[in-house]
PDB file of N, CA and C in Angstrom:
ATOM      1  N   MET A   1       0.837  -1.188   0.000  1.00  0.00           N
ATOM      2  CA  MET A   1       0.000   0.000   0.000  1.00  0.00           C
ATOM      3  C   MET A   1       0.879   1.248   0.000  1.00  0.00           C
ATOM      4  N   ASN A   2       0.413   2.246  -0.677  1.00  0.00           N
ATOM      5  CA  ASN A   2       1.084   3.536  -0.732  1.00  0.00           C
ATOM      6  C   ASN A   2       0.191   4.583  -0.081  1.00  0.00           C
ATOM      7  N   TYR A   3       0.778   5.713   0.252  1.00  0.00           N
ATOM      8  CA  TYR A   3       0.017   6.831   0.785  1.00  0.00           C
ATOM      9  C   TYR A   3       0.021   7.957  -0.232  1.00  0.00           C
ATOM     10  N   TYR A   4      -1.144   8.553  -0.401  1.00  0.00           N
ATOM     11  CA  TYR A   4      -1.309   9.662  -1.336  1.00  0.00           C
ATOM     12  C   TYR A   4      -1.901  10.845  -0.584  1.00  0.00           C
ATOM     13  N   VAL A   5      -1.433  12.034  -0.923  1.00  0.00           N
ATOM     14  CA  VAL A   5      -1.978  13.252  -0.352  1.00  0.00           C
ATOM     15  C   VAL A   5      -2.793  13.938  -1.441  1.00  0.00           C
ATOM     16  N   VAL A   6      -4.079  14.118  -1.162  1.00  0.00           N
ATOM     17  CA  VAL A   6      -4.953  14.821  -2.097  1.00  0.00           C
ATOM     18  C   VAL A   6      -5.153  16.235  -1.561  1.00  0.00           C
ATOM     19  N   SER A   7      -4.693  17.207  -2.320  1.00  0.00           N
ATOM     20  CA  SER A   7      -4.918  18.615  -1.990  1.00  0.00           C
ATOM     21  C   SER A   7      -6.089  19.082  -2.834  1.00  0.00           C
ATOM     22  N   PHE A   8      -7.054  19.751  -2.194  1.00  0.00           N
ATOM     23  CA  PHE A   8      -8.229  20.171  -2.948  1.00  0.00           C
ATOM     24  C   PHE A   8      -8.621  21.600  -2.596  1.00  0.00           C
ATOM     25  N   GLU A   9      -9.292  22.224  -3.542  1.00  0.00           N
ATOM     26  CA  GLU A   9      -9.777  23.599  -3.370  1.00  0.00           C
ATOM     27  C   GLU A   9     -11.038  23.744  -4.199  1.00  0.00           C
ATOM     28  N   SER A  10     -12.026  24.389  -3.618  1.00  0.00           N
ATOM     29  CA  SER A  10     -13.282  24.575  -4.316  1.00  0.00           C
ATOM     30  C   SER A  10     -13.963  25.842  -3.823  1.00  0.00           C
ATOM     31  N   VAL A  11     -15.102  26.124  -4.418  1.00  0.00           N
ATOM     32  CA  VAL A  11     -15.955  27.230  -4.006  1.00  0.00           C
ATOM     33  C   VAL A  11     -17.302  26.633  -3.652  1.00  0.00           C
ATOM     34  N   ARG A  12     -17.780  26.926  -2.444  1.00  0.00           N
ATOM     35  CA  ARG A  12     -19.082  26.410  -2.009  1.00  0.00           C
ATOM     36  C   ARG A  12     -20.202  27.078  -2.798  1.00  0.00           C
ATOM     37  N   HIS A  13     -21.221  26.321  -3.075  1.00  0.00           N
ATOM     38  CA  HIS A  13     -22.393  26.831  -3.794  1.00  0.00           C
ATOM     39  C   HIS A  13     -23.206  27.730  -2.869  1.00  0.00           C
ATOM     40  N   GLY A  14     -23.611  28.868  -3.355  1.00  0.00           N
ATOM     41  CA  GLY A  14     -24.533  29.727  -2.633  1.00  0.00           C
ATOM     42  C   GLY A  14     -23.928  30.562  -1.517  1.00  0.00           C
ATOM     43  N   GLU A  15     -22.621  30.540  -1.356  1.00  0.00           N
ATOM     44  CA  GLU A  15     -22.010  31.323  -0.280  1.00  0.00           C
ATOM     45  C   GLU A  15     -21.111  32.421  -0.835  1.00  0.00           C
ATOM     46  N   GLU A  16     -21.475  32.983  -1.946  1.00  0.00           N
ATOM     47  CA  GLU A  16     -20.728  34.088  -2.539  1.00  0.00           C
ATOM     48  C   GLU A  16     -19.241  33.804  -2.657  1.00  0.00           C
ATOM     49  N   GLY A  17     -18.921  32.628  -3.132  1.00  0.00           N
ATOM     50  CA  GLY A  17     -17.535  32.295  -3.378  1.00  0.00           C
ATOM     51  C   GLY A  17     -16.730  31.914  -2.158  1.00  0.00           C
ATOM     52  N   ALA A  18     -17.402  31.460  -1.073  1.00  0.00           N
ATOM     53  CA  ALA A  18     -16.672  31.040   0.124  1.00  0.00           C
ATOM     54  C   ALA A  18     -15.768  29.857  -0.220  1.00  0.00           C
ATOM     55  N   PRO A  19     -14.490  29.935   0.085  1.00  0.00           N
ATOM     56  CA  PRO A  19     -13.574  28.845  -0.281  1.00  0.00           C
ATOM     57  C   PRO A  19     -13.729  27.629   0.622  1.00  0.00           C
ATOM     58  N   TRP A  20     -13.426  26.494   0.074  1.00  0.00           N
ATOM     59  CA  TRP A  20     -13.383  25.234   0.805  1.00  0.00           C
ATOM     60  C   TRP A  20     -12.138  24.520   0.298  1.00  0.00           C
ATOM     61  N   PHE A  21     -11.190  24.253   1.200  1.00  0.00           N
ATOM     62  CA  PHE A  21      -9.945  23.655   0.759  1.00  0.00           C
ATOM     63  C   PHE A  21      -9.364  22.801   1.881  1.00  0.00           C
ATOM     64  N   GLY A  22      -8.426  21.953   1.523  1.00  0.00           N
ATOM     65  CA  GLY A  22      -7.780  21.123   2.522  1.00  0.00           C
ATOM     66  C   GLY A  22      -6.928  20.051   1.881  1.00  0.00           C
ATOM     67  N   LYS A  23      -6.510  19.107   2.731  1.00  0.00           N
ATOM     68  CA  LYS A  23      -5.719  17.962   2.272  1.00  0.00           C
ATOM     69  C   LYS A  23      -6.277  16.712   2.924  1.00  0.00           C
ATOM     70  N   LYS A  24      -6.217  15.619   2.209  1.00  0.00           N
ATOM     71  CA  LYS A  24      -6.685  14.330   2.711  1.00  0.00           C
ATOM     72  C   LYS A  24      -5.627  13.294   2.393  1.00  0.00           C
ATOM     73  N   ILE A  25      -5.287  12.483   3.379  1.00  0.00           N
ATOM     74  CA  ILE A  25      -4.328  11.393   3.176  1.00  0.00           C
ATOM     75  C   ILE A  25      -5.114  10.119   2.886  1.00  0.00           C
ATOM     76  N   ILE A  26      -4.718   9.441   1.827  1.00  0.00           N
ATOM     77  CA  ILE A  26      -5.425   8.228   1.402  1.00  0.00           C
ATOM     78  C   ILE A  26      -4.424   7.106   1.217  1.00  0.00           C
ATOM     79  N   LYS A  27      -4.781   5.943   1.737  1.00  0.00           N
ATOM     80  CA  LYS A  27      -3.960   4.739   1.581  1.00  0.00           C
ATOM     81  C   LYS A  27      -4.552   3.924   0.432  1.00  0.00           C
ATOM     82  N   ALA A  28      -3.738   3.650  -0.585  1.00  0.00           N
ATOM     83  CA  ALA A  28      -4.221   2.942  -1.772  1.00  0.00           C
ATOM     84  C   ALA A  28      -3.051   2.267  -2.472  1.00  0.00           C
ATOM     85  N   ASN A  29      -3.388   1.364  -3.372  1.00  0.00           N
ATOM     86  CA  ASN A  29      -2.360   0.652  -4.143  1.00  0.00           C
ATOM     87  C   ASN A  29      -1.865   1.464  -5.336  1.00  0.00           C
ATOM     88  N   THR A  30      -2.762   2.255  -5.924  1.00  0.00           N
ATOM     89  CA  THR A  30      -2.422   3.026  -7.120  1.00  0.00           C
ATOM     90  C   THR A  30      -3.021   4.426  -7.018  1.00  0.00           C
ATOM     91  N   VAL A  31      -2.552   5.314  -7.859  1.00  0.00           N
ATOM     92  CA  VAL A  31      -3.103   6.668  -7.886  1.00  0.00           C
ATOM     93  C   VAL A  31      -4.571   6.633  -8.312  1.00  0.00           C
ATOM     94  N   LEU A  32      -4.937   5.742  -9.206  1.00  0.00           N
ATOM     95  CA  LEU A  32      -6.328   5.619  -9.646  1.00  0.00           C
ATOM     96  C   LEU A  32      -7.222   5.200  -8.480  1.00  0.00           C
ATOM     97  N   GLU A  33      -6.769   4.248  -7.691  1.00  0.00           N
ATOM     98  CA  GLU A  33      -7.527   3.826  -6.511  1.00  0.00           C
ATOM     99  C   GLU A  33      -7.628   4.980  -5.506  1.00  0.00           C
ATOM    100  N   ALA A  34      -6.576   5.752  -5.352  1.00  0.00           N
ATOM    101  CA  ALA A  34      -6.602   6.909  -4.454  1.00  0.00           C
ATOM    102  C   ALA A  34      -7.637   7.933  -4.924  1.00  0.00           C
ATOM    103  N   GLN A  35      -7.700   8.176  -6.218  1.00  0.00           N
ATOM    104  CA  GLN A  35      -8.695   9.108  -6.757  1.00  0.00           C
ATOM    105  C   GLN A  35     -10.109   8.602  -6.484  1.00  0.00           C
ATOM    106  N   ASP A  36     -10.329   7.308  -6.708  1.00  0.00           N
ATOM    107  CA  ASP A  36     -11.654   6.728  -6.450  1.00  0.00           C
ATOM    108  C   ASP A  36     -12.039   6.870  -4.982  1.00  0.00           C
ATOM    109  N   LYS A  37     -11.095   6.607  -4.085  1.00  0.00           N
ATOM    110  CA  LYS A  37     -11.373   6.741  -2.654  1.00  0.00           C
ATOM    111  C   LYS A  37     -11.637   8.196  -2.287  1.00  0.00           C
ATOM    112  N   TYR A  38     -10.922   9.107  -2.909  1.00  0.00           N
ATOM    113  CA  TYR A  38     -11.150  10.533  -2.653  1.00  0.00           C
ATOM    114  C   TYR A  38     -12.567  10.927  -3.061  1.00  0.00           C
ATOM    115  N   PHE A  39     -12.989  10.512  -4.243  1.00  0.00           N
ATOM    116  CA  PHE A  39     -14.331  10.866  -4.699  1.00  0.00           C
ATOM    117  C   PHE A  39     -15.408  10.202  -3.855  1.00  0.00           C
ATOM    118  N   ASP A  40     -15.168   8.983  -3.376  1.00  0.00           N
ATOM    119  CA  ASP A  40     -16.111   8.346  -2.453  1.00  0.00           C
ATOM    120  C   ASP A  40     -16.255   9.183  -1.185  1.00  0.00           C
ATOM    121  N   TRP A  41     -15.123   9.662  -0.647  1.00  0.00           N
ATOM    122  CA  TRP A  41     -15.138  10.516   0.545  1.00  0.00           C
ATOM    123  C   TRP A  41     -15.835  11.846   0.242  1.00  0.00           C
ATOM    124  N   LEU A  42     -15.511  12.430  -0.904  1.00  0.00           N
ATOM    125  CA  LEU A  42     -16.053  13.731  -1.284  1.00  0.00           C
ATOM    126  C   LEU A  42     -17.576  13.704  -1.365  1.00  0.00           C
ATOM    127  N   ARG A  43     -18.142  12.649  -1.924  1.00  0.00           N
ATOM    128  CA  ARG A  43     -19.592  12.544  -2.087  1.00  0.00           C
ATOM    129  C   ARG A  43     -20.334  12.552  -0.752  1.00  0.00           C
ATOM    130  N   LYS A  44     -19.648  12.231   0.331  1.00  0.00           N
ATOM    131  CA  LYS A  44     -20.274  12.183   1.655  1.00  0.00           C
ATOM    132  C   LYS A  44     -20.160  13.505   2.418  1.00  0.00           C
ATOM    133  N   GLN A  45     -19.455  14.467   1.865  1.00  0.00           N
ATOM    134  CA  GLN A  45     -19.224  15.734   2.555  1.00  0.00           C
ATOM    135  C   GLN A  45     -20.401  16.685   2.357  1.00  0.00           C
ATOM    136  N   PRO A  46     -20.749  17.454   3.402  1.00  0.00           N
ATOM    137  CA  PRO A  46     -21.858  18.417   3.275  1.00  0.00           C
ATOM    138  C   PRO A  46     -21.633  19.426   2.153  1.00  0.00           C
ATOM    139  N   GLU A  47     -20.379  19.809   1.918  1.00  0.00           N
ATOM    140  CA  GLU A  47     -20.081  20.759   0.849  1.00  0.00           C
ATOM    141  C   GLU A  47     -20.444  20.187  -0.513  1.00  0.00           C
ATOM    142  N   TYR A  48     -20.238  18.893  -0.700  1.00  0.00           N
ATOM    143  CA  TYR A  48     -20.580  18.246  -1.962  1.00  0.00           C
ATOM    144  C   TYR A  48     -22.086  18.105  -2.090  1.00  0.00           C
ATOM    145  N   ILE A  49     -22.718  17.679  -1.008  1.00  0.00           N
ATOM    146  CA  ILE A  49     -24.167  17.473  -1.015  1.00  0.00           C
ATOM    147  C   ILE A  49     -24.888  18.789  -1.279  1.00  0.00           C
ATOM    148  N   GLY A  50     -24.380  19.871  -0.695  1.00  0.00           N
ATOM    149  CA  GLY A  50     -24.971  21.191  -0.902  1.00  0.00           C
ATOM    150  C   GLY A  50     -24.622  21.790  -2.247  1.00  0.00           C
ATOM    151  N   GLY A  51     -23.634  21.241  -2.891  1.00  0.00           N
ATOM    152  CA  GLY A  51     -23.209  21.716  -4.205  1.00  0.00           C
ATOM    153  C   GLY A  51     -21.927  22.521  -4.137  1.00  0.00           C
ATOM    154  N   ILE A  52     -20.996  22.178  -4.980  1.00  0.00           N
ATOM    155  CA  ILE A  52     -19.771  22.953  -5.091  1.00  0.00           C
ATOM    156  C   ILE A  52     -19.657  23.426  -6.534  1.00  0.00           C
ATOM    157  N   LYS A  53     -19.070  24.589  -6.702  1.00  0.00           N
ATOM    158  CA  LYS A  53     -18.965  25.145  -8.049  1.00  0.00           C
ATOM    159  C   LYS A  53     -17.767  24.562  -8.775  1.00  0.00           C
ATOM    160  N   ARG A  54     -16.601  24.981  -8.451  1.00  0.00           N
ATOM    161  CA  ARG A  54     -15.411  24.469  -9.133  1.00  0.00           C
ATOM    162  C   ARG A  54     -14.619  23.620  -8.153  1.00  0.00           C
ATOM    163  N   LEU A  55     -14.016  22.576  -8.662  1.00  0.00           N
ATOM    164  CA  LEU A  55     -13.185  21.719  -7.821  1.00  0.00           C
ATOM    165  C   LEU A  55     -11.840  21.529  -8.509  1.00  0.00           C
ATOM    166  N   PHE A  56     -10.799  21.839  -7.782  1.00  0.00           N
ATOM    167  CA  PHE A  56      -9.436  21.610  -8.240  1.00  0.00           C
ATOM    168  C   PHE A  56      -8.798  20.663  -7.239  1.00  0.00           C
ATOM    169  N   PHE A  57      -8.126  19.644  -7.736  1.00  0.00           N
ATOM    170  CA  PHE A  57      -7.460  18.741  -6.812  1.00  0.00           C
ATOM    171  C   PHE A  57      -6.199  18.176  -7.454  1.00  0.00           C
ATOM    172  N   ALA A  58      -5.273  17.781  -6.584  1.00  0.00           N
ATOM    173  CA  ALA A  58      -4.028  17.169  -7.031  1.00  0.00           C
ATOM    174  C   ALA A  58      -3.764  15.966  -6.140  1.00  0.00           C
ATOM    175  N   VAL A  59      -3.260  14.900  -6.740  1.00  0.00           N
ATOM    176  CA  VAL A  59      -2.943  13.680  -6.000  1.00  0.00           C
ATOM    177  C   VAL A  59      -1.444  13.446  -6.111  1.00  0.00           C
ATOM    178  N   ASP A  60      -0.790  13.388  -4.962  1.00  0.00           N
ATOM    179  CA  ASP A  60       0.654  13.167  -4.933  1.00  0.00           C
ATOM    180  C   ASP A  60       0.970  12.001  -4.013  1.00  0.00           C
ATOM    181  N   GLU A  61       1.806  11.082  -4.492  1.00  0.00           N
ATOM    182  CA  GLU A  61       2.260   9.991  -3.635  1.00  0.00           C
ATOM    183  C   GLU A  61       3.274  10.559  -2.651  1.00  0.00           C
ATOM    184  N   THR A  62       3.201  10.118  -1.405  1.00  0.00           N
ATOM    185  CA  THR A  62       4.128  10.614  -0.400  1.00  0.00           C
ATOM    186  C   THR A  62       5.034   9.482   0.082  1.00  0.00           C
ATOM    187  N   THR A  63       6.255   9.836   0.337  1.00  0.00           N
ATOM    188  CA  THR A  63       7.208   8.866   0.885  1.00  0.00           C
ATOM    189  C   THR A  63       7.487   9.167   2.345  1.00  0.00           C
ATOM    190  N   GLN A  64       6.855  10.214   2.873  1.00  0.00           N
ATOM    191  CA  GLN A  64       7.030  10.573   4.274  1.00  0.00           C
ATOM    192  C   GLN A  64       6.259   9.591   5.148  1.00  0.00           C
ATOM    193  N   ASP A  65       6.690   9.447   6.384  1.00  0.00           N
ATOM    194  CA  ASP A  65       5.969   8.598   7.335  1.00  0.00           C
ATOM    195  C   ASP A  65       4.566   9.175   7.547  1.00  0.00           C
ATOM    196  N   VAL A  66       3.577   8.313   7.509  1.00  0.00           N
ATOM    197  CA  VAL A  66       2.192   8.716   7.691  1.00  0.00           C
ATOM    198  C   VAL A  66       1.601   7.900   8.822  1.00  0.00           C
ATOM    199  N   ILE A  67       0.853   8.560   9.695  1.00  0.00           N
ATOM    200  CA  ILE A  67       0.196   7.863  10.803  1.00  0.00           C
ATOM    201  C   ILE A  67      -1.151   7.374  10.321  1.00  0.00           C
ATOM    202  N   ASP A  68      -1.465   6.097  10.549  1.00  0.00           N
ATOM    203  CA  ASP A  68      -2.782   5.549  10.183  1.00  0.00           C
ATOM    204  C   ASP A  68      -3.861   6.104  11.066  1.00  0.00           C
TER     205      ASP A  68
END
């Protein structure tokens, strides 16, 4: 298993461009699996359910020690 850091930034729907951003650490075998896990997590977030306008994200594999 590898660890991936997903950095994301978006604009919340209906809040006059209020930003929503952060990072999420995901444990996965491949970058594709990490993306799928990220989107599964994203769909459960109130910001997603309420609607987000633009979404920018980057997935980077990390070699740093990560706490489970």
